[in-house]
């Protein structure tokens, strides 16, 4: 009987994961086609809500919220411990890696930040937040070509992102000036 219950739970979680992925795919399609900045922000918020909500109900969403509060309050060491704990509990949850990458960035640990960003992008290649973070890291590492590539990828996913467009324009200008 226990085995049967486990099988039911497993398949229920699989169906839930497929439904969440379908919803996320729809949101990304809307984001790609939305030119109205206000509507794009609303779609972005819905994507972030899905990214920061864990697929199970085992306290990881609440732990993510707590770690984010710590990070926003500049308690980076405590936040990093929380995000590391999340990663250990579920290494397939991209947002745990993304938040820890952000903490590493704030702590000027750019190589560690980039390593976590690589993991985020491996898990969710459309993660415009991680791609933007990668651009910031690469600017700090004085790798403008890679930063430019990151922001251009953001624009492929999220064409109405004004910050990414501004950074693309500025980085292209700097690169052009450096080659003259």
Protein backbone atom coordinates (compact mmCIF):
# COMPACT_ATOMS: atom_id res chain seq x y z
CA UNK A 1 0.00 0.00 0.00
CA UNK A 2 2.87 2.41 0.82
CA UNK A 3 4.44 1.77 -2.58
CA UNK A 4 1.13 2.59 -4.27
CA UNK A 5 0.89 5.90 -2.37
CA UNK A 6 4.46 6.77 -3.32
CA UNK A 7 3.71 6.06 -6.99
CA UNK A 8 0.58 8.25 -6.84
CA UNK A 9 2.55 11.10 -5.23
CA UNK A 10 5.34 10.74 -7.80
CA UNK A 11 2.96 10.95 -10.75
CA UNK A 12 1.04 13.83 -9.17
CA UNK A 13 4.28 15.78 -8.79
CA UNK A 14 5.20 15.00 -12.41
CA UNK A 15 1.85 16.33 -13.63
CA UNK A 16 2.23 19.45 -11.49
CA UNK A 17 5.74 20.07 -12.85
CA UNK A 18 4.47 19.74 -16.44
CA UNK A 19 1.64 22.18 -15.75
CA UNK A 20 4.06 24.69 -14.19
CA UNK A 21 6.43 24.37 -17.16
CA UNK A 22 3.56 24.91 -19.59
CA UNK A 23 2.49 28.02 -17.69
CA UNK A 24 6.06 29.31 -17.65
CA UNK A 25 6.41 28.67 -21.39
CA UNK A 26 3.24 30.69 -22.01
CA UNK A 27 4.54 33.55 -19.88
CA UNK A 28 7.84 33.62 -21.76
CA UNK A 29 5.99 33.69 -25.08
CA UNK A 30 3.88 36.62 -23.85
CA UNK A 31 6.99 38.40 -22.56
CA UNK A 32 8.74 38.00 -25.89
CA UNK A 33 5.79 39.50 -27.77
CA UNK A 34 4.85 42.28 -25.33
CA UNK A 35 5.96 45.78 -26.32
CA UNK A 36 4.02 47.64 -23.63
CA UNK A 37 6.51 48.06 -20.76
CA UNK A 38 3.85 48.05 -18.03
CA UNK A 39 2.34 44.80 -19.27
CA UNK A 40 5.83 43.31 -19.67
CA UNK A 41 6.58 44.16 -16.01
CA UNK A 42 3.43 42.29 -14.95
CA UNK A 43 4.48 39.25 -16.96
CA UNK A 44 7.99 39.50 -15.50
CA UNK A 45 6.49 39.53 -11.99
CA UNK A 46 4.52 36.37 -12.75
CA UNK A 47 7.69 34.65 -13.98
CA UNK A 48 9.60 35.70 -10.86
CA UNK A 49 6.76 34.40 -8.70
CA UNK A 50 7.05 30.99 -10.35
CA UNK A 51 10.83 31.01 -10.12
CA UNK A 52 10.80 31.85 -6.40
CA UNK A 53 8.07 29.35 -5.51
CA UNK A 54 9.30 25.82 -4.95
CA UNK A 55 7.35 23.03 -6.63
CA UNK A 56 6.87 21.15 -3.35
CA UNK A 57 5.51 22.26 -0.01
CA UNK A 58 8.54 21.41 2.12
CA UNK A 59 9.36 24.88 3.41
CA UNK A 60 11.85 25.81 0.70
CA UNK A 61 9.73 28.72 -0.58
CA UNK A 62 9.64 30.20 2.91
CA UNK A 63 13.36 29.60 3.31
CA UNK A 64 13.94 31.39 -0.02
CA UNK A 65 11.89 34.36 1.22
CA UNK A 66 13.86 34.49 4.45
CA UNK A 67 17.19 34.33 2.61
CA UNK A 68 16.04 37.12 0.30
CA UNK A 69 15.14 39.31 3.28
CA UNK A 70 18.60 38.67 4.76
CA UNK A 71 20.23 39.51 1.42
CA UNK A 72 18.18 42.70 1.04
CA UNK A 73 19.26 43.67 4.57
CA UNK A 74 22.89 43.13 3.53
CA UNK A 75 23.38 40.15 5.86
CA UNK A 76 25.20 38.38 3.07
CA UNK A 77 26.88 35.64 5.09
CA UNK A 78 23.58 34.50 6.62
CA UNK A 79 21.81 34.75 3.26
CA UNK A 80 24.55 32.70 1.60
CA UNK A 81 24.11 29.97 4.23
CA UNK A 82 20.36 29.89 3.58
CA UNK A 83 20.78 29.69 -0.20
CA UNK A 84 23.46 27.01 0.15
CA UNK A 85 21.06 25.02 2.32
CA UNK A 86 18.38 25.38 -0.37
CA UNK A 87 20.82 24.22 -3.06
CA UNK A 88 21.76 21.16 -0.98
CA UNK A 89 18.08 20.28 -0.46
CA UNK A 90 17.16 20.76 -4.12
CA UNK A 91 20.05 21.35 -6.54
CA UNK A 92 17.59 21.39 -9.44
CA UNK A 93 15.90 24.60 -8.23
CA UNK A 94 17.55 27.29 -10.32
CA UNK A 95 16.52 30.14 -8.04
CA UNK A 96 18.61 28.85 -5.13
CA UNK A 97 21.68 29.11 -7.35
CA UNK A 98 20.57 32.50 -8.68
CA UNK A 99 20.12 34.03 -5.25
CA UNK A 100 23.47 32.70 -4.04
CA UNK A 101 25.09 34.09 -7.22
CA UNK A 102 23.64 37.48 -6.29
CA UNK A 103 25.10 37.25 -2.79
CA UNK A 104 28.50 36.33 -4.23
CA UNK A 105 28.27 39.34 -6.53
CA UNK A 106 27.53 41.65 -3.61
CA UNK A 107 30.50 40.16 -1.78
CA UNK A 108 32.72 40.84 -4.82
CA UNK A 109 33.27 37.09 -5.32
CA UNK A 110 32.76 37.39 -9.06
CA UNK A 111 34.16 34.01 -10.12
CA UNK A 112 31.92 32.22 -7.58
CA UNK A 113 28.98 34.29 -8.75
CA UNK A 114 29.68 33.31 -12.35
CA UNK A 115 29.91 29.62 -11.41
CA UNK A 116 26.45 29.77 -9.82
CA UNK A 117 25.09 31.74 -12.78
CA UNK A 118 26.36 28.99 -15.08
CA UNK A 119 24.32 26.50 -13.05
CA UNK A 120 21.20 28.70 -13.21
CA UNK A 121 21.47 28.98 -16.98
CA UNK A 122 22.04 25.22 -17.26
CA UNK A 123 18.78 24.67 -15.35
CA UNK A 124 16.78 27.53 -16.94
CA UNK A 125 18.36 28.99 -20.07
CA UNK A 126 15.70 31.73 -20.22
CA UNK A 127 16.59 33.12 -16.79
CA UNK A 128 16.90 36.78 -17.77
CA UNK A 129 17.79 37.65 -14.17
CA UNK A 130 20.82 35.36 -14.19
CA UNK A 131 21.80 36.55 -17.66
CA UNK A 132 21.63 40.16 -16.46
CA UNK A 133 23.68 39.19 -13.43
CA UNK A 134 26.20 37.53 -15.71
CA UNK A 135 26.49 40.78 -17.62
CA UNK A 136 27.20 42.63 -14.37
CA UNK A 137 29.79 40.05 -13.31
CA UNK A 138 31.51 40.18 -16.68
CA UNK A 139 31.67 43.98 -16.55
CA UNK A 140 33.41 43.67 -13.16
CA UNK A 141 35.80 41.11 -14.67
CA UNK A 142 36.44 43.53 -17.56
CA UNK A 143 35.06 41.12 -20.15
CA UNK A 144 32.82 43.46 -22.10
CA UNK A 145 32.29 41.09 -25.02
CA UNK A 146 30.79 38.43 -22.75
CA UNK A 147 28.74 41.09 -20.91
CA UNK A 148 27.41 42.31 -24.25
CA UNK A 149 26.51 38.75 -25.26
CA UNK A 150 24.65 38.28 -21.96
CA UNK A 151 22.56 41.42 -22.36
CA UNK A 152 21.77 40.60 -25.98
CA UNK A 153 20.51 37.21 -24.81
CA UNK A 154 18.31 39.01 -22.26
CA UNK A 155 16.82 41.02 -25.13
CA UNK A 156 16.10 37.84 -27.12
CA UNK A 157 14.04 36.59 -24.18
CA UNK A 158 12.69 39.94 -22.97
CA UNK A 159 12.82 42.43 -25.89
CA UNK A 160 11.17 45.31 -24.00
CA UNK A 161 13.76 45.26 -21.19
CA UNK A 162 14.97 48.85 -21.25
CA UNK A 163 17.86 48.30 -18.84
CA UNK A 164 19.32 45.56 -21.01
CA UNK A 165 18.91 47.70 -24.13
CA UNK A 166 20.64 50.66 -22.47
CA UNK A 167 23.52 48.43 -21.39
CA UNK A 168 23.86 46.92 -24.87
CA UNK A 169 24.06 50.41 -26.34
CA UNK A 170 26.61 51.59 -23.76
CA UNK A 171 28.82 48.50 -23.99
CA UNK A 172 28.81 48.61 -27.79
CA UNK A 173 29.83 52.28 -27.61
CA UNK A 174 32.70 51.49 -25.20
CA UNK A 175 33.91 48.56 -27.30
CA UNK A 176 33.81 50.72 -30.42
CA UNK A 177 35.77 53.50 -28.70
CA UNK A 178 38.37 51.01 -27.47
CA UNK A 179 38.96 49.66 -30.98
CA UNK A 180 39.52 53.10 -32.48
